[in-house]
Amino acid sequence: MSRRALLMAGVALWLGPRAWAATTPALTFFEIDREDDAVALNYVVDFELAPAVEDALGKGIPLHFMAEVEVLRSRWYWRDRRIAHAVRTWRIVFQPLTSNYRVSFGGLSRTYPSRSEALATITRSGRWRIVEPGQVEPDSHHYLEFRFRLDTSQLPRPIQIGIGGQADWTLEVERTQAFS
């Protein structure tokens, strides 16, 4: 093997895992707060958009991100009982005429000058109340199932058909954590 081929193989091995890890989402912070019988969730998801997703966003195609939490009570005699279910959905779109990114959440929207600032608002949540007071039974074991993902079902239909089976469009992170 030539010296150049060996060097190229070394660079590919060095960059390969780093490139894969950059697009794979990870929960860098995840905390459950109990206050006055209510449960709040704080989290930070770290990810970078894959080149195909970044290209679609740059062409003005809106992307939808979804955070979903399900709170369950453990039971030994039957299936676990669902206590609460909460969902948050964000829509991010690039506006080429103004070169800004617009993030919509519920009925509110805000414009950001850069993609990194727009994604920063999507990737973190503080004090998200997922269980109201009185829903959590004392002296019981509870757990929550958290899921953050890129919702490809909200993409335009021709794109949904074209992305079938492509790993670039799979952006998802899950966590299950017990609390009492």
Protein backbone atom coordinates (compact mmCIF):
# COMPACT_ATOMS: atom_id res chain seq x y z
CA MET A 1 0.00 0.00 0.00
CA SER A 2 1.38 3.39 -0.92
CA ARG A 3 2.05 6.05 1.64
CA ARG A 4 -0.67 8.30 0.17
CA ALA A 5 -3.32 5.54 0.30
CA LEU A 6 -2.35 4.76 3.87
CA LEU A 7 -2.66 8.44 4.83
CA MET A 8 -6.10 8.71 3.16
CA ALA A 9 -7.30 5.58 4.98
CA GLY A 10 -6.12 7.05 8.29
CA VAL A 11 -7.93 10.35 7.63
CA ALA A 12 -11.12 8.47 6.67
CA LEU A 13 -10.97 6.45 9.89
CA TRP A 14 -10.32 9.57 11.92
CA LEU A 15 -13.17 11.61 10.33
CA GLY A 16 -15.67 8.76 9.96
CA PRO A 17 -16.80 8.42 13.57
CA ARG A 18 -16.68 12.18 14.09
CA ALA A 19 -18.92 12.84 11.08
CA TRP A 20 -21.37 10.18 12.26
CA ALA A 21 -21.41 11.48 15.84
CA ALA A 22 -22.10 15.05 14.74
CA THR A 23 -25.45 14.15 13.18
CA THR A 24 -26.46 11.62 15.84
CA PRO A 25 -28.49 13.45 18.50
CA ALA A 26 -27.56 13.11 22.15
CA LEU A 27 -29.16 14.30 25.38
CA THR A 28 -26.47 16.40 27.02
CA PHE A 29 -28.71 17.43 29.92
CA PHE A 30 -31.81 15.70 31.27
CA GLU A 31 -33.37 16.51 34.64
CA ILE A 32 -36.74 15.86 36.26
CA ASP A 33 -37.88 18.47 38.80
CA ARG A 34 -40.52 17.66 41.43
CA GLU A 35 -42.17 20.69 42.96
CA ASP A 36 -45.48 20.81 44.83
CA ASP A 37 -46.64 17.44 43.42
CA ALA A 38 -46.03 18.71 39.87
CA VAL A 39 -43.32 17.36 37.58
CA ALA A 40 -41.26 19.55 35.26
CA LEU A 41 -38.66 18.50 32.70
CA ASN A 42 -35.42 20.23 31.72
CA TYR A 43 -33.43 18.95 28.76
CA VAL A 44 -30.85 19.87 26.14
CA VAL A 45 -30.49 17.89 22.91
CA ASP A 46 -27.26 18.26 20.95
CA PHE A 47 -27.26 17.50 17.22
CA GLU A 48 -26.25 18.80 13.84
CA LEU A 49 -28.38 18.54 10.76
CA ALA A 50 -27.32 16.01 8.16
CA PRO A 51 -26.30 17.50 4.79
CA ALA A 52 -29.53 16.40 3.07
CA VAL A 53 -31.69 17.92 5.82
CA GLU A 54 -29.61 21.10 5.87
CA ASP A 55 -29.96 21.38 2.08
CA ALA A 56 -33.75 20.98 2.27
CA LEU A 57 -33.98 23.64 4.98
CA GLY A 58 -31.81 25.98 2.90
CA LYS A 59 -34.26 25.60 0.01
CA GLY A 60 -37.14 26.82 2.16
CA ILE A 61 -38.70 23.47 3.07
CA PRO A 62 -40.12 23.67 6.61
CA LEU A 63 -38.88 21.15 9.18
CA HIS A 64 -40.93 20.05 12.19
CA PHE A 65 -39.32 18.88 15.42
CA MET A 66 -41.27 17.16 18.14
CA ALA A 67 -40.62 16.52 21.85
CA GLU A 68 -42.94 13.98 23.42
CA VAL A 69 -43.17 12.83 27.05
CA GLU A 70 -45.28 10.07 28.49
CA VAL A 71 -45.46 9.63 32.28
CA LEU A 72 -46.39 6.15 33.53
CA ARG A 73 -47.04 4.59 36.94
CA SER A 74 -45.50 1.17 37.47
CA ARG A 75 -47.95 -1.60 38.40
CA TRP A 76 -47.08 -5.22 39.06
CA TYR A 77 -50.54 -6.65 38.41
CA TRP A 78 -51.36 -5.10 35.05
CA ARG A 79 -49.88 -2.91 32.36
CA ASP A 80 -48.38 0.35 33.58
CA ARG A 81 -50.91 3.17 33.88
CA ARG A 82 -50.46 6.32 31.82
CA ILE A 83 -50.56 9.39 34.07
CA ALA A 84 -49.79 12.16 31.56
CA HIS A 85 -48.82 12.76 27.97
CA ALA A 86 -47.29 16.02 26.72
CA VAL A 87 -46.15 17.05 23.23
CA ARG A 88 -44.32 20.11 21.93
CA THR A 89 -43.90 20.81 18.22
CA TRP A 90 -41.65 23.39 16.55
CA ARG A 91 -41.60 24.44 12.91
CA ILE A 92 -38.45 25.96 11.44
CA VAL A 93 -38.26 27.41 7.95
CA PHE A 94 -35.65 29.44 6.07
CA GLN A 95 -36.95 32.62 4.41
CA PRO A 96 -34.69 33.28 1.41
CA LEU A 97 -35.85 36.86 0.78
CA THR A 98 -34.78 38.05 4.22
CA SER A 99 -32.12 35.35 4.84
CA ASN A 100 -33.68 34.63 8.23
CA TYR A 101 -34.95 31.53 9.98
CA ARG A 102 -38.46 31.55 11.41
CA VAL A 103 -39.28 29.28 14.35
CA SER A 104 -42.94 28.71 15.19
CA PHE A 105 -44.14 27.15 18.42
CA GLY A 106 -47.85 26.93 19.00
CA GLY A 107 -49.26 30.25 17.85
CA LEU A 108 -46.03 32.15 18.43
CA SER A 109 -43.19 32.68 15.99
CA ARG A 110 -39.83 34.40 16.08
CA THR A 111 -37.22 35.22 13.48
CA TYR A 112 -33.49 34.47 13.91
CA PRO A 113 -30.58 35.66 11.75
CA SER A 114 -28.71 32.33 11.80
CA ARG A 115 -29.56 28.64 11.70
CA SER A 116 -27.59 27.93 14.87
CA GLU A 117 -29.65 30.47 16.85
CA ALA A 118 -32.90 29.05 15.49
CA LEU A 119 -31.91 25.48 16.33
CA ALA A 120 -30.80 26.54 19.82
CA THR A 121 -34.40 27.46 20.67
CA ILE A 122 -35.62 24.05 19.51
CA THR A 123 -33.02 21.90 21.23
CA ARG A 124 -33.60 22.98 24.82
CA SER A 125 -36.45 23.30 27.24
CA GLY A 126 -36.48 24.49 30.81
CA ARG A 127 -39.18 23.87 33.38
CA TRP A 128 -41.60 22.22 30.95
CA ARG A 129 -44.47 21.18 33.20
CA ILE A 130 -45.48 17.68 32.14
CA VAL A 131 -47.55 16.59 35.16
CA GLU A 132 -49.97 18.82 37.03
CA PRO A 133 -50.27 18.72 40.84
CA GLY A 134 -52.30 15.81 42.15
CA GLN A 135 -51.67 13.48 39.20
CA VAL A 136 -48.67 11.76 40.78
CA GLU A 137 -49.65 9.35 43.55
CA PRO A 138 -47.43 9.44 46.65
CA ASP A 139 -45.43 6.31 47.51
CA SER A 140 -45.69 5.02 43.93
CA HIS A 141 -43.01 4.34 41.36
CA HIS A 142 -43.27 6.42 38.21
CA TYR A 143 -41.18 6.75 35.11
CA LEU A 144 -41.22 8.85 32.01
CA GLU A 145 -40.47 8.08 28.39
CA PHE A 146 -38.98 11.03 26.51
CA ARG A 147 -38.56 11.24 22.75
CA PHE A 148 -37.19 14.09 20.60
CA ARG A 149 -37.29 13.70 16.82
CA LEU A 150 -37.50 15.26 13.41
CA ASP A 151 -41.09 14.68 12.29
CA THR A 152 -40.77 13.59 8.65
CA SER A 153 -44.53 13.00 8.38
CA GLN A 154 -44.95 16.80 8.20
CA LEU A 155 -42.72 17.15 5.12
CA PRO A 156 -44.28 17.69 1.69
CA ARG A 157 -45.47 14.38 0.22
CA PRO A 158 -42.94 14.20 -2.70
CA ILE A 159 -40.07 14.58 -0.23
CA GLN A 160 -41.52 11.92 2.09
CA ILE A 161 -41.52 9.45 -0.79
CA GLY A 162 -37.96 10.38 -1.79
CA ILE A 163 -36.41 10.04 1.66
CA GLY A 164 -37.66 6.53 2.40
CA GLY A 165 -34.87 4.55 4.04
CA GLN A 166 -32.29 7.36 4.06
CA ALA A 167 -30.38 7.59 7.33
CA ASP A 168 -29.84 11.35 6.93
CA TRP A 169 -33.48 11.99 7.78
CA THR A 170 -33.49 9.86 10.93
CA LEU A 171 -32.92 12.28 13.79
CA GLU A 172 -34.25 10.86 17.04
CA VAL A 173 -33.23 10.51 20.68
CA GLU A 174 -35.07 8.62 23.43
CA ARG A 175 -34.68 8.30 27.18
CA THR A 176 -36.57 6.44 29.88
CA GLN A 177 -36.02 7.55 33.46
CA ALA A 178 -37.64 6.57 36.74
CA PHE A 179 -38.63 8.99 39.46
CA SER A 180 -40.63 8.76 42.68
